[in-house]
Amino acid sequence: YLPGLPIHCDPVHLKEVFNNIIINAIEASDDQGAGILKVEAFSKKNELLVVFADNGSGISKEVLPRVIDPFFSTKPERSKNYGLGLTYCYYVMKEHQGRIDIESDGNNGTKVILRFLKEKTI
């Protein structure tokens, strides 16, 4: 709960959503550790938005439509990655009567937007 931005949620699942998004941003940052992740929460009309914006490698326009597909991954080491992180995020947001939007131009980072309807319960 954020003052002025009320929402009822499952904190365990939402924490995992946040963790998945943050880990993806870290993994997309350059090898020099110069990655930047900006997180904002704000109210817009009837929604609460939580926006994660990174300056990582970005997601190509060809790949972007598939990133929520189960078992899809662009990460090279498949033995440590099952391609379920963003799929999980999608279903958690759906259960919270919200949605997840992912924006990227393929070169200048990625923005992940979690949209919650105000005063909705699961």
PDB file of N, CA and C in Angstrom:
ATOM      1  N   TYR A   1       0.841  -1.190   0.000  1.00  0.00           N
ATOM      2  CA  TYR A   1       0.000   0.000   0.000  1.00  0.00           C
ATOM      3  C   TYR A   1       0.872   1.235   0.000  1.00  0.00           C
ATOM      4  N   LEU A   2       0.640   2.112  -0.935  1.00  0.00           N
ATOM      5  CA  LEU A   2       1.332   3.398  -0.980  1.00  0.00           C
ATOM      6  C   LEU A   2       0.321   4.478  -0.613  1.00  0.00           C
ATOM      7  N   PRO A   3       0.654   5.384   0.293  1.00  0.00           N
ATOM      8  CA  PRO A   3      -0.300   6.443   0.659  1.00  0.00           C
ATOM      9  C   PRO A   3      -0.794   7.181  -0.583  1.00  0.00           C
ATOM     10  N   GLY A   4      -2.092   7.285  -0.703  1.00  0.00           N
ATOM     11  CA  GLY A   4      -2.686   7.961  -1.856  1.00  0.00           C
ATOM     12  C   GLY A   4      -2.781   7.092  -3.093  1.00  0.00           C
ATOM     13  N   LEU A   5      -2.186   5.911  -3.052  1.00  0.00           N
ATOM     14  CA  LEU A   5      -2.218   5.001  -4.188  1.00  0.00           C
ATOM     15  C   LEU A   5      -2.658   3.624  -3.704  1.00  0.00           C
ATOM     16  N   PRO A   6      -3.918   3.490  -3.282  1.00  0.00           N
ATOM     17  CA  PRO A   6      -4.357   2.228  -2.676  1.00  0.00           C
ATOM     18  C   PRO A   6      -4.528   1.098  -3.687  1.00  0.00           C
ATOM     19  N   ILE A   7      -4.059  -0.052  -3.286  1.00  0.00           N
ATOM     20  CA  ILE A   7      -4.273  -1.260  -4.073  1.00  0.00           C
ATOM     21  C   ILE A   7      -4.152  -2.455  -3.127  1.00  0.00           C
ATOM     22  N   HIS A   8      -4.990  -3.431  -3.333  1.00  0.00           N
ATOM     23  CA  HIS A   8      -4.915  -4.666  -2.564  1.00  0.00           C
ATOM     24  C   HIS A   8      -4.221  -5.700  -3.446  1.00  0.00           C
ATOM     25  N   CYS A   9      -3.236  -6.388  -2.877  1.00  0.00           N
ATOM     26  CA  CYS A   9      -2.495  -7.334  -3.691  1.00  0.00           C
ATOM     27  C   CYS A   9      -1.949  -8.469  -2.835  1.00  0.00           C
ATOM     28  N   ASP A  10      -1.448  -9.479  -3.506  1.00  0.00           N
ATOM     29  CA  ASP A  10      -0.746 -10.576  -2.857  1.00  0.00           C
ATOM     30  C   ASP A  10       0.730 -10.175  -2.822  1.00  0.00           C
ATOM     31  N   PRO A  11       1.245  -9.818  -1.652  1.00  0.00           N
ATOM     32  CA  PRO A  11       2.613  -9.292  -1.591  1.00  0.00           C
ATOM     33  C   PRO A  11       3.691 -10.306  -1.982  1.00  0.00           C
ATOM     34  N   VAL A  12       3.456 -11.577  -1.761  1.00  0.00           N
ATOM     35  CA  VAL A  12       4.447 -12.593  -2.108  1.00  0.00           C
ATOM     36  C   VAL A  12       4.598 -12.666  -3.621  1.00  0.00           C
ATOM     37  N   HIS A  13       3.488 -12.769  -4.332  1.00  0.00           N
ATOM     38  CA  HIS A  13       3.546 -12.862  -5.792  1.00  0.00           C
ATOM     39  C   HIS A  13       4.022 -11.547  -6.408  1.00  0.00           C
ATOM     40  N   LEU A  14       3.585 -10.438  -5.862  1.00  0.00           N
ATOM     41  CA  LEU A  14       4.006  -9.151  -6.414  1.00  0.00           C
ATOM     42  C   LEU A  14       5.497  -8.920  -6.194  1.00  0.00           C
ATOM     43  N   LYS A  15       6.020  -9.360  -5.069  1.00  0.00           N
ATOM     44  CA  LYS A  15       7.463  -9.261  -4.820  1.00  0.00           C
ATOM     45  C   LYS A  15       8.224 -10.071  -5.869  1.00  0.00           C
ATOM     46  N   GLU A  16       7.717 -11.236  -6.202  1.00  0.00           N
ATOM     47  CA  GLU A  16       8.362 -12.066  -7.223  1.00  0.00           C
ATOM     48  C   GLU A  16       8.309 -11.400  -8.593  1.00  0.00           C
ATOM     49  N   VAL A  17       7.209 -10.726  -8.905  1.00  0.00           N
ATOM     50  CA  VAL A  17       7.115  -9.971 -10.159  1.00  0.00           C
ATOM     51  C   VAL A  17       8.202  -8.896 -10.191  1.00  0.00           C
ATOM     52  N   PHE A  18       8.297  -8.122  -9.112  1.00  0.00           N
ATOM     53  CA  PHE A  18       9.319  -7.072  -9.035  1.00  0.00           C
ATOM     54  C   PHE A  18      10.716  -7.689  -9.186  1.00  0.00           C
ATOM     55  N   ASN A  19      10.974  -8.792  -8.487  1.00  0.00           N
ATOM     56  CA  ASN A  19      12.282  -9.453  -8.573  1.00  0.00           C
ATOM     57  C   ASN A  19      12.602  -9.885 -10.001  1.00  0.00           C
ATOM     58  N   ASN A  20      11.641 -10.488 -10.686  1.00  0.00           N
ATOM     59  CA  ASN A  20      11.866 -10.931 -12.062  1.00  0.00           C
ATOM     60  C   ASN A  20      12.231  -9.758 -12.963  1.00  0.00           C
ATOM     61  N   ILE A  21      11.516  -8.662 -12.833  1.00  0.00           N
ATOM     62  CA  ILE A  21      11.777  -7.486 -13.676  1.00  0.00           C
ATOM     63  C   ILE A  21      13.147  -6.901 -13.364  1.00  0.00           C
ATOM     64  N   ILE A  22      13.473  -6.802 -12.092  1.00  0.00           N
ATOM     65  CA  ILE A  22      14.772  -6.242 -11.693  1.00  0.00           C
ATOM     66  C   ILE A  22      15.918  -7.128 -12.165  1.00  0.00           C
ATOM     67  N   ILE A  23      15.786  -8.436 -12.019  1.00  0.00           N
ATOM     68  CA  ILE A  23      16.833  -9.360 -12.479  1.00  0.00           C
ATOM     69  C   ILE A  23      17.020  -9.239 -13.988  1.00  0.00           C
ATOM     70  N   ASN A  24      15.935  -9.152 -14.742  1.00  0.00           N
ATOM     71  CA  ASN A  24      16.056  -8.976 -16.191  1.00  0.00           C
ATOM     72  C   ASN A  24      16.809  -7.690 -16.524  1.00  0.00           C
ATOM     73  N   ALA A  25      16.525  -6.612 -15.803  1.00  0.00           N
ATOM     74  CA  ALA A  25      17.210  -5.335 -16.048  1.00  0.00           C
ATOM     75  C   ALA A  25      18.699  -5.456 -15.742  1.00  0.00           C
ATOM     76  N   ILE A  26      19.031  -6.127 -14.647  1.00  0.00           N
ATOM     77  CA  ILE A  26      20.443  -6.314 -14.287  1.00  0.00           C
ATOM     78  C   ILE A  26      21.154  -7.137 -15.366  1.00  0.00           C
ATOM     79  N   GLU A  27      20.528  -8.198 -15.803  1.00  0.00           N
ATOM     80  CA  GLU A  27      21.138  -9.063 -16.810  1.00  0.00           C
ATOM     81  C   GLU A  27      21.280  -8.376 -18.164  1.00  0.00           C
ATOM     82  N   ALA A  28      20.459  -7.365 -18.432  1.00  0.00           N
ATOM     83  CA  ALA A  28      20.535  -6.633 -19.698  1.00  0.00           C
ATOM     84  C   ALA A  28      21.539  -5.488 -19.646  1.00  0.00           C
ATOM     85  N   SER A  29      22.059  -5.189 -18.448  1.00  0.00           N
ATOM     86  CA  SER A  29      23.028  -4.092 -18.343  1.00  0.00           C
ATOM     87  C   SER A  29      24.377  -4.535 -18.898  1.00  0.00           C
ATOM     88  N   ASP A  30      25.229  -3.560 -19.164  1.00  0.00           N
ATOM     89  CA  ASP A  30      26.532  -3.910 -19.738  1.00  0.00           C
ATOM     90  C   ASP A  30      27.428  -4.597 -18.713  1.00  0.00           C
ATOM     91  N   ASP A  31      28.495  -5.178 -19.196  1.00  0.00           N
ATOM     92  CA  ASP A  31      29.411  -5.943 -18.341  1.00  0.00           C
ATOM     93  C   ASP A  31      30.195  -5.069 -17.370  1.00  0.00           C
ATOM     94  N   GLN A  32      30.176  -3.777 -17.566  1.00  0.00           N
ATOM     95  CA  GLN A  32      30.931  -2.864 -16.709  1.00  0.00           C
ATOM     96  C   GLN A  32      30.145  -2.450 -15.472  1.00  0.00           C
ATOM     97  N   GLY A  33      28.932  -2.921 -15.340  1.00  0.00           N
ATOM     98  CA  GLY A  33      28.116  -2.576 -14.178  1.00  0.00           C
ATOM     99  C   GLY A  33      27.578  -1.163 -14.225  1.00  0.00           C
ATOM    100  N   ALA A  34      27.455  -0.616 -15.432  1.00  0.00           N
ATOM    101  CA  ALA A  34      27.001   0.766 -15.575  1.00  0.00           C
ATOM    102  C   ALA A  34      25.500   0.858 -15.824  1.00  0.00           C
ATOM    103  N   GLY A  35      24.773  -0.189 -15.494  1.00  0.00           N
ATOM    104  CA  GLY A  35      23.344  -0.185 -15.731  1.00  0.00           C
ATOM    105  C   GLY A  35      22.601   0.745 -14.789  1.00  0.00           C
ATOM    106  N   ILE A  36      21.549   1.320 -15.307  1.00  0.00           N
ATOM    107  CA  ILE A  36      20.687   2.195 -14.515  1.00  0.00           C
ATOM    108  C   ILE A  36      19.272   1.634 -14.584  1.00  0.00           C
ATOM    109  N   LEU A  37      18.631   1.538 -13.430  1.00  0.00           N
ATOM    110  CA  LEU A  37      17.241   1.114 -13.356  1.00  0.00           C
ATOM    111  C   LEU A  37      16.485   2.163 -12.561  1.00  0.00           C
ATOM    112  N   LYS A  38      15.492   2.735 -13.181  1.00  0.00           N
ATOM    113  CA  LYS A  38      14.659   3.747 -12.536  1.00  0.00           C
ATOM    114  C   LYS A  38      13.289   3.114 -12.277  1.00  0.00           C
ATOM    115  N   VAL A  39      12.815   3.231 -11.041  1.00  0.00           N
ATOM    116  CA  VAL A  39      11.512   2.669 -10.673  1.00  0.00           C
ATOM    117  C   VAL A  39      10.643   3.808 -10.149  1.00  0.00           C
ATOM    118  N   GLU A  40       9.452   3.921 -10.710  1.00  0.00           N
ATOM    119  CA  GLU A  40       8.508   4.960 -10.293  1.00  0.00           C
ATOM    120  C   GLU A  40       7.141   4.333 -10.055  1.00  0.00           C
ATOM    121  N   ALA A  41       6.420   4.867  -9.093  1.00  0.00           N
ATOM    122  CA  ALA A  41       5.026   4.469  -8.860  1.00  0.00           C
ATOM    123  C   ALA A  41       4.208   5.743  -8.818  1.00  0.00           C
ATOM    124  N   PHE A  42       3.121   5.752  -9.572  1.00  0.00           N
ATOM    125  CA  PHE A  42       2.279   6.934  -9.572  1.00  0.00           C
ATOM    126  C   PHE A  42       0.863   6.583  -9.996  1.00  0.00           C
ATOM    127  N   SER A  43      -0.018   7.511  -9.747  1.00  0.00           N
ATOM    128  CA  SER A  43      -1.430   7.346 -10.058  1.00  0.00           C
ATOM    129  C   SER A  43      -1.737   8.053 -11.373  1.00  0.00           C
ATOM    130  N   LYS A  44      -2.560   7.404 -12.193  1.00  0.00           N
ATOM    131  CA  LYS A  44      -2.983   7.991 -13.463  1.00  0.00           C
ATOM    132  C   LYS A  44      -4.432   7.570 -13.701  1.00  0.00           C
ATOM    133  N   LYS A  45      -5.330   8.513 -13.644  1.00  0.00           N
ATOM    134  CA  LYS A  45      -6.771   8.254 -13.784  1.00  0.00           C
ATOM    135  C   LYS A  45      -7.204   7.169 -12.796  1.00  0.00           C
ATOM    136  N   ASN A  46      -7.667   6.029 -13.304  1.00  0.00           N
ATOM    137  CA  ASN A  46      -8.146   4.972 -12.409  1.00  0.00           C
ATOM    138  C   ASN A  46      -7.120   3.858 -12.212  1.00  0.00           C
ATOM    139  N   GLU A  47      -5.852   4.167 -12.498  1.00  0.00           N
ATOM    140  CA  GLU A  47      -4.809   3.155 -12.408  1.00  0.00           C
ATOM    141  C   GLU A  47      -3.682   3.575 -11.465  1.00  0.00           C
ATOM    142  N   LEU A  48      -3.036   2.568 -10.917  1.00  0.00           N
ATOM    143  CA  LEU A  48      -1.759   2.740 -10.249  1.00  0.00           C
ATOM    144  C   LEU A  48      -0.731   2.128 -11.186  1.00  0.00           C
ATOM    145  N   LEU A  49       0.291   2.882 -11.534  1.00  0.00           N
ATOM    146  CA  LEU A  49       1.334   2.397 -12.421  1.00  0.00           C
ATOM    147  C   LEU A  49       2.640   2.266 -11.660  1.00  0.00           C
ATOM    148  N   VAL A  50       3.318   1.160 -11.885  1.00  0.00           N
ATOM    149  CA  VAL A  50       4.681   0.976 -11.397  1.00  0.00           C
ATOM    150  C   VAL A  50       5.519   0.763 -12.654  1.00  0.00           C
ATOM    151  N   VAL A  51       6.477   1.678 -12.857  1.00  0.00           N
ATOM    152  CA  VAL A  51       7.258   1.679 -14.090  1.00  0.00           C
ATOM    153  C   VAL A  51       8.721   1.381 -13.770  1.00  0.00           C
ATOM    154  N   PHE A  52       9.266   0.383 -14.436  1.00  0.00           N
ATOM    155  CA  PHE A  52      10.676   0.021 -14.341  1.00  0.00           C
ATOM    156  C   PHE A  52      11.307   0.385 -15.683  1.00  0.00           C
ATOM    157  N   ALA A  53      12.280   1.275 -15.684  1.00  0.00           N
ATOM    158  CA  ALA A  53      12.946   1.682 -16.928  1.00  0.00           C
ATOM    159  C   ALA A  53      14.448   1.473 -16.776  1.00  0.00           C
ATOM    160  N   ASP A  54      15.025   0.684 -17.681  1.00  0.00           N
ATOM    161  CA  ASP A  54      16.461   0.429 -17.616  1.00  0.00           C
ATOM    162  C   ASP A  54      17.154   0.950 -18.873  1.00  0.00           C
ATOM    163  N   ASN A  55      18.469   1.029 -18.819  1.00  0.00           N
ATOM    164  CA  ASN A  55      19.247   1.468 -19.973  1.00  0.00           C
ATOM    165  C   ASN A  55      20.048   0.313 -20.563  1.00  0.00           C
ATOM    166  N   GLY A  56      19.522  -0.886 -20.419  1.00  0.00           N
ATOM    167  CA  GLY A  56      20.205  -2.080 -20.908  1.00  0.00           C
ATOM    168  C   GLY A  56      20.167  -2.206 -22.415  1.00  0.00           C
ATOM    169  N   SER A  57      20.429  -3.403 -22.875  1.00  0.00           N
ATOM    170  CA  SER A  57      20.566  -3.665 -24.307  1.00  0.00           C
ATOM    171  C   SER A  57      19.255  -3.560 -25.080  1.00  0.00           C
ATOM    172  N   GLY A  58      18.142  -3.592 -24.402  1.00  0.00           N
ATOM    173  CA  GLY A  58      16.853  -3.489 -25.085  1.00  0.00           C
ATOM    174  C   GLY A  58      16.407  -4.809 -25.687  1.00  0.00           C
ATOM    175  N   ILE A  59      15.215  -4.790 -26.242  1.00  0.00           N
ATOM    176  CA  ILE A  59      14.613  -5.977 -26.847  1.00  0.00           C
ATOM    177  C   ILE A  59      14.241  -5.607 -28.279  1.00  0.00           C
ATOM    178  N   SER A  60      14.665  -6.415 -29.230  1.00  0.00           N
ATOM    179  CA  SER A  60      14.376  -6.104 -30.638  1.00  0.00           C
ATOM    180  C   SER A  60      12.875  -6.174 -30.908  1.00  0.00           C
ATOM    181  N   LYS A  61      12.433  -5.451 -31.928  1.00  0.00           N
ATOM    182  CA  LYS A  61      11.003  -5.437 -32.263  1.00  0.00           C
ATOM    183  C   LYS A  61      10.522  -6.807 -32.733  1.00  0.00           C
ATOM    184  N   GLU A  62      11.423  -7.637 -33.251  1.00  0.00           N
ATOM    185  CA  GLU A  62      11.044  -8.985 -33.674  1.00  0.00           C
ATOM    186  C   GLU A  62      10.803  -9.896 -32.475  1.00  0.00           C
ATOM    187  N   VAL A  63      11.560  -9.701 -31.416  1.00  0.00           N
ATOM    188  CA  VAL A  63      11.487 -10.560 -30.232  1.00  0.00           C
ATOM    189  C   VAL A  63      10.431 -10.074 -29.242  1.00  0.00           C
ATOM    190  N   LEU A  64      10.213  -8.780 -29.188  1.00  0.00           N
ATOM    191  CA  LEU A  64       9.324  -8.182 -28.185  1.00  0.00           C
ATOM    192  C   LEU A  64       7.961  -8.874 -28.045  1.00  0.00           C
ATOM    193  N   PRO A  65       7.273  -9.217 -29.137  1.00  0.00           N
ATOM    194  CA  PRO A  65       5.965  -9.872 -28.974  1.00  0.00           C
ATOM    195  C   PRO A  65       6.030 -11.255 -28.316  1.00  0.00           C
ATOM    196  N   ARG A  66       7.216 -11.853 -28.244  1.00  0.00           N
ATOM    197  CA  ARG A  66       7.336 -13.217 -27.726  1.00  0.00           C
ATOM    198  C   ARG A  66       7.828 -13.297 -26.292  1.00  0.00           C
ATOM    199  N   VAL A  67       8.249 -12.184 -25.684  1.00  0.00           N
ATOM    200  CA  VAL A  67       8.922 -12.256 -24.384  1.00  0.00           C
ATOM    201  C   VAL A  67       8.043 -12.798 -23.258  1.00  0.00           C
ATOM    202  N   ILE A  68       6.741 -12.762 -23.419  1.00  0.00           N
ATOM    203  CA  ILE A  68       5.848 -13.299 -22.385  1.00  0.00           C
ATOM    204  C   ILE A  68       5.480 -14.759 -22.659  1.00  0.00           C
ATOM    205  N   ASP A  69       5.818 -15.258 -23.834  1.00  0.00           N
ATOM    206  CA  ASP A  69       5.522 -16.652 -24.173  1.00  0.00           C
ATOM    207  C   ASP A  69       6.254 -17.604 -23.223  1.00  0.00           C
ATOM    208  N   PRO A  70       5.557 -18.630 -22.732  1.00  0.00           N
ATOM    209  CA  PRO A  70       6.221 -19.603 -21.863  1.00  0.00           C
ATOM    210  C   PRO A  70       7.401 -20.271 -22.574  1.00  0.00           C
ATOM    211  N   PHE A  71       8.492 -20.420 -21.862  1.00  0.00           N
ATOM    212  CA  PHE A  71       9.709 -21.101 -22.296  1.00  0.00           C
ATOM    213  C   PHE A  71      10.478 -20.357 -23.382  1.00  0.00           C
ATOM    214  N   PHE A  72      10.099 -19.128 -23.683  1.00  0.00           N
ATOM    215  CA  PHE A  72      10.875 -18.328 -24.633  1.00  0.00           C
ATOM    216  C   PHE A  72      11.935 -17.550 -23.867  1.00  0.00           C
ATOM    217  N   SER A  73      13.149 -17.573 -24.370  1.00  0.00           N
ATOM    218  CA  SER A  73      14.228 -16.827 -23.725  1.00  0.00           C
ATOM    219  C   SER A  73      15.253 -16.395 -24.756  1.00  0.00           C
ATOM    220  N   THR A  74      15.834 -15.251 -24.528  1.00  0.00           N
ATOM    221  CA  THR A  74      16.943 -14.788 -25.355  1.00  0.00           C
ATOM    222  C   THR A  74      18.266 -15.017 -24.641  1.00  0.00           C
ATOM    223  N   LYS A  75      18.208 -15.517 -23.437  1.00  0.00           N
ATOM    224  CA  LYS A  75      19.418 -15.724 -22.639  1.00  0.00           C
ATOM    225  C   LYS A  75      20.142 -16.977 -23.122  1.00  0.00           C
ATOM    226  N   PRO A  76      21.474 -16.897 -23.215  1.00  0.00           N
ATOM    227  CA  PRO A  76      22.225 -18.006 -23.812  1.00  0.00           C
ATOM    228  C   PRO A  76      22.275 -19.283 -22.979  1.00  0.00           C
ATOM    229  N   GLU A  77      22.251 -19.194 -21.673  1.00  0.00           N
ATOM    230  CA  GLU A  77      22.426 -20.374 -20.830  1.00  0.00           C
ATOM    231  C   GLU A  77      21.070 -20.953 -20.421  1.00  0.00           C
ATOM    232  N   ARG A  78      20.541 -21.844 -21.231  1.00  0.00           N
ATOM    233  CA  ARG A  78      19.215 -22.420 -21.003  1.00  0.00           C
ATOM    234  C   ARG A  78      19.159 -23.306 -19.764  1.00  0.00           C
ATOM    235  N   SER A  79      20.276 -23.846 -19.315  1.00  0.00           N
ATOM    236  CA  SER A  79      20.249 -24.732 -18.151  1.00  0.00           C
ATOM    237  C   SER A  79      19.921 -23.972 -16.866  1.00  0.00           C
ATOM    238  N   LYS A  80      20.111 -22.661 -16.853  1.00  0.00           N
ATOM    239  CA  LYS A  80      19.814 -21.845 -15.675  1.00  0.00           C
ATOM    240  C   LYS A  80      18.587 -20.964 -15.876  1.00  0.00           C
ATOM    241  N   ASN A  81      17.981 -21.053 -17.042  1.00  0.00           N
ATOM    242  CA  ASN A  81      16.877 -20.159 -17.374  1.00  0.00           C
ATOM    243  C   ASN A  81      15.818 -20.935 -18.154  1.00  0.00           C
ATOM    244  N   TYR A  82      14.592 -20.877 -17.665  1.00  0.00           N
ATOM    245  CA  TYR A  82      13.517 -21.631 -18.310  1.00  0.00           C
ATOM    246  C   TYR A  82      12.575 -20.760 -19.138  1.00  0.00           C
ATOM    247  N   GLY A  83      12.783 -19.467 -19.167  1.00  0.00           N
ATOM    248  CA  GLY A  83      11.927 -18.599 -19.964  1.00  0.00           C
ATOM    249  C   GLY A  83      10.529 -18.467 -19.387  1.00  0.00           C
ATOM    250  N   LEU A  84      10.427 -18.479 -18.058  1.00  0.00           N
ATOM    251  CA  LEU A  84       9.111 -18.385 -17.420  1.00  0.00           C
ATOM    252  C   LEU A  84       8.923 -17.115 -16.596  1.00  0.00           C
ATOM    253  N   GLY A  85       9.961 -16.308 -16.439  1.00  0.00           N
ATOM    254  CA  GLY A  85       9.886 -15.125 -15.575  1.00  0.00           C
ATOM    255  C   GLY A  85       8.803 -14.143 -15.979  1.00  0.00           C
ATOM    256  N   LEU A  86       8.817 -13.708 -17.233  1.00  0.00           N
ATOM    257  CA  LEU A  86       7.815 -12.732 -17.671  1.00  0.00           C
ATOM    258  C   LEU A  86       6.443 -13.369 -17.860  1.00  0.00           C
ATOM    259  N   THR A  87       6.412 -14.664 -18.160  1.00  0.00           N
ATOM    260  CA  THR A  87       5.128 -15.379 -18.218  1.00  0.00           C
ATOM    261  C   THR A  87       4.473 -15.349 -16.845  1.00  0.00           C
ATOM    262  N   TYR A  88       5.266 -15.628 -15.828  1.00  0.00           N
ATOM    263  CA  TYR A  88       4.779 -15.576 -14.444  1.00  0.00           C
ATOM    264  C   TYR A  88       4.258 -14.168 -14.125  1.00  0.00           C
ATOM    265  N   CYS A  89       5.028 -13.150 -14.490  1.00  0.00           N
ATOM    266  CA  CYS A  89       4.619 -11.757 -14.245  1.00  0.00           C
ATOM    267  C   CYS A  89       3.275 -11.461 -14.904  1.00  0.00           C
ATOM    268  N   TYR A  90       3.118 -11.920 -16.136  1.00  0.00           N
ATOM    269  CA  TYR A  90       1.876 -11.712 -16.875  1.00  0.00           C
ATOM    270  C   TYR A  90       0.687 -12.309 -16.117  1.00  0.00           C
ATOM    271  N   TYR A  91       0.818 -13.546 -15.660  1.00  0.00           N
ATOM    272  CA  TYR A  91      -0.301 -14.204 -14.985  1.00  0.00           C
ATOM    273  C   TYR A  91      -0.586 -13.605 -13.608  1.00  0.00           C
ATOM    274  N   VAL A  92       0.439 -13.181 -12.894  1.00  0.00           N
ATOM    275  CA  VAL A  92       0.216 -12.515 -11.611  1.00  0.00           C
ATOM    276  C   VAL A  92      -0.549 -11.210 -11.833  1.00  0.00           C
ATOM    277  N   MET A  93      -0.138 -10.451 -12.826  1.00  0.00           N
ATOM    278  CA  MET A  93      -0.839  -9.189 -13.108  1.00  0.00           C
ATOM    279  C   MET A  93      -2.281  -9.452 -13.539  1.00  0.00           C
ATOM    280  N   LYS A  94      -2.492 -10.490 -14.321  1.00  0.00           N
ATOM    281  CA  LYS A  94      -3.848 -10.851 -14.744  1.00  0.00           C
ATOM    282  C   LYS A  94      -4.718 -11.195 -13.537  1.00  0.00           C
ATOM    283  N   GLU A  95      -4.164 -11.945 -12.583  1.00  0.00           N
ATOM    284  CA  GLU A  95      -4.902 -12.302 -11.371  1.00  0.00           C
ATOM    285  C   GLU A  95      -5.191 -11.076 -10.497  1.00  0.00           C
ATOM    286  N   HIS A  96      -4.377 -10.045 -10.630  1.00  0.00           N
ATOM    287  CA  HIS A  96      -4.599  -8.800  -9.896  1.00  0.00           C
ATOM    288  C   HIS A  96      -5.484  -7.832 -10.697  1.00  0.00           C
ATOM    289  N   GLN A  97      -6.089  -8.329 -11.771  1.00  0.00           N
ATOM    290  CA  GLN A  97      -6.962  -7.538 -12.642  1.00  0.00           C
ATOM    291  C   GLN A  97      -6.207  -6.351 -13.231  1.00  0.00           C
ATOM    292  N   GLY A  98      -4.937  -6.563 -13.465  1.00  0.00           N
ATOM    293  CA  GLY A  98      -4.093  -5.537 -14.066  1.00  0.00           C
ATOM    294  C   GLY A  98      -3.453  -6.091 -15.313  1.00  0.00           C
ATOM    295  N   ARG A  99      -2.386  -5.419 -15.737  1.00  0.00           N
ATOM    296  CA  ARG A  99      -1.661  -5.916 -16.908  1.00  0.00           C
ATOM    297  C   ARG A  99      -0.211  -5.463 -16.854  1.00  0.00           C
ATOM    298  N   ILE A 100       0.584  -6.079 -17.696  1.00  0.00           N
ATOM    299  CA  ILE A 100       1.991  -5.731 -17.838  1.00  0.00           C
ATOM    300  C   ILE A 100       2.217  -5.311 -19.282  1.00  0.00           C
ATOM    301  N   ASP A 101       2.836  -4.158 -19.469  1.00  0.00           N
ATOM    302  CA  ASP A 101       3.204  -3.676 -20.799  1.00  0.00           C
ATOM    303  C   ASP A 101       4.721  -3.590 -20.862  1.00  0.00           C
ATOM    304  N   ILE A 102       5.290  -4.000 -21.975  1.00  0.00           N
ATOM    305  CA  ILE A 102       6.739  -3.971 -22.143  1.00  0.00           C
ATOM    306  C   ILE A 102       7.042  -3.181 -23.409  1.00  0.00           C
ATOM    307  N   GLU A 103       7.882  -2.161 -23.262  1.00  0.00           N
ATOM    308  CA  GLU A 103       8.239  -1.294 -24.381  1.00  0.00           C
ATOM    309  C   GLU A 103       9.753  -1.283 -24.557  1.00  0.00           C
ATOM    310  N   SER A 104      10.205  -1.388 -25.801  1.00  0.00           N
ATOM    311  CA  SER A 104      11.630  -1.308 -26.098  1.00  0.00           C
ATOM    312  C   SER A 104      11.790  -1.071 -27.589  1.00  0.00           C
ATOM    313  N   ASP A 105      12.816  -0.308 -27.949  1.00  0.00           N
ATOM    314  CA  ASP A 105      13.086  -0.101 -29.370  1.00  0.00           C
ATOM    315  C   ASP A 105      14.240  -0.965 -29.863  1.00  0.00           C
ATOM    316  N   GLY A 106      14.757  -1.807 -28.970  1.00  0.00           N
ATOM    317  CA  GLY A 106      15.818  -2.717 -29.352  1.00  0.00           C
ATOM    318  C   GLY A 106      17.216  -2.187 -29.139  1.00  0.00           C
ATOM    319  N   ASN A 107      17.353  -0.929 -28.766  1.00  0.00           N
ATOM    320  CA  ASN A 107      18.692  -0.360 -28.600  1.00  0.00           C
ATOM    321  C   ASN A 107      18.887   0.437 -27.320  1.00  0.00           C
ATOM    322  N   ASN A 108      17.843   1.039 -26.820  1.00  0.00           N
ATOM    323  CA  ASN A 108      17.979   2.000 -25.726  1.00  0.00           C
ATOM    324  C   ASN A 108      17.222   1.603 -24.474  1.00  0.00           C
ATOM    325  N   GLY A 109      17.428   0.395 -24.018  1.00  0.00           N
ATOM    326  CA  GLY A 109      16.804  -0.032 -22.783  1.00  0.00           C
ATOM    327  C   GLY A 109      15.388  -0.530 -22.967  1.00  0.00           C
ATOM    328  N   THR A 110      14.779  -0.834 -21.844  1.00  0.00           N
ATOM    329  CA  THR A 110      13.434  -1.408 -21.819  1.00  0.00           C
ATOM    330  C   THR A 110      12.636  -0.760 -20.711  1.00  0.00           C
ATOM    331  N   LYS A 111      11.352  -0.601 -20.954  1.00  0.00           N
ATOM    332  CA  LYS A 111      10.438  -0.087 -19.942  1.00  0.00           C
ATOM    333  C   LYS A 111       9.368  -1.146 -19.715  1.00  0.00           C
ATOM    334  N   VAL A 112       9.198  -1.529 -18.439  1.00  0.00           N
ATOM    335  CA  VAL A 112       8.157  -2.480 -18.055  1.00  0.00           C
ATOM    336  C   VAL A 112       7.171  -1.711 -17.184  1.00  0.00           C
ATOM    337  N   ILE A 113       5.912  -1.738 -17.579  1.00  0.00           N
ATOM    338  CA  ILE A 113       4.875  -0.983 -16.877  1.00  0.00           C
ATOM    339  C   ILE A 113       3.859  -1.964 -16.303  1.00  0.00           C
ATOM    340  N   LEU A 114       3.724  -1.925 -14.984  1.00  0.00           N
ATOM    341  CA  LEU A 114       2.691  -2.712 -14.307  1.00  0.00           C
ATOM    342  C   LEU A 114       1.509  -1.794 -14.067  1.00  0.00           C
ATOM    343  N   ARG A 115       0.341  -2.196 -14.533  1.00  0.00           N
ATOM    344  CA  ARG A 115      -0.865  -1.381 -14.416  1.00  0.00           C
ATOM    345  C   ARG A 115      -1.884  -2.094 -13.534  1.00  0.00           C
ATOM    346  N   PHE A 116      -2.247  -1.431 -12.441  1.00  0.00           N
ATOM    347  CA  PHE A 116      -3.255  -1.955 -11.514  1.00  0.00           C
ATOM    348  C   PHE A 116      -4.446  -1.025 -11.522  1.00  0.00           C
ATOM    349  N   LEU A 117      -5.643  -1.579 -11.504  1.00  0.00           N
ATOM    350  CA  LEU A 117      -6.827  -0.761 -11.305  1.00  0.00           C
ATOM    351  C   LEU A 117      -6.890  -0.387  -9.827  1.00  0.00           C
ATOM    352  N   LYS A 118      -7.217   0.843  -9.536  1.00  0.00           N
ATOM    353  CA  LYS A 118      -7.308   1.279  -8.136  1.00  0.00           C
ATOM    354  C   LYS A 118      -8.441   0.556  -7.445  1.00  0.00           C
ATOM    355  N   GLU A 119      -8.189   0.218  -6.175  1.00  0.00           N
ATOM    356  CA  GLU A 119      -9.197  -0.358  -5.270  1.00  0.00           C
ATOM    357  C   GLU A 119      -9.781  -1.677  -5.768  1.00  0.00           C
ATOM    358  N   LYS A 120      -9.010  -2.437  -6.508  1.00  0.00           N
ATOM    359  CA  LYS A 120      -9.457  -3.769  -6.899  1.00  0.00           C
ATOM    360  C   LYS A 120      -8.818  -4.790  -5.973  1.00  0.00           C
ATOM    361  N   THR A 121      -9.540  -5.850  -5.688  1.00  0.00           N
ATOM    362  CA  THR A 121      -8.991  -6.916  -4.872  1.00  0.00           C
ATOM    363  C   THR A 121      -8.940  -8.191  -5.679  1.00  0.00           C
ATOM    364  N   ILE A 122      -8.063  -9.090  -5.251  1.00  0.00           N
ATOM    365  CA  ILE A 122      -7.948 -10.360  -5.986  1.00  0.00           C
ATOM    366  C   ILE A 122      -8.785 -11.404  -5.298  1.00  0.00           C
TER     367      ILE A 122
END
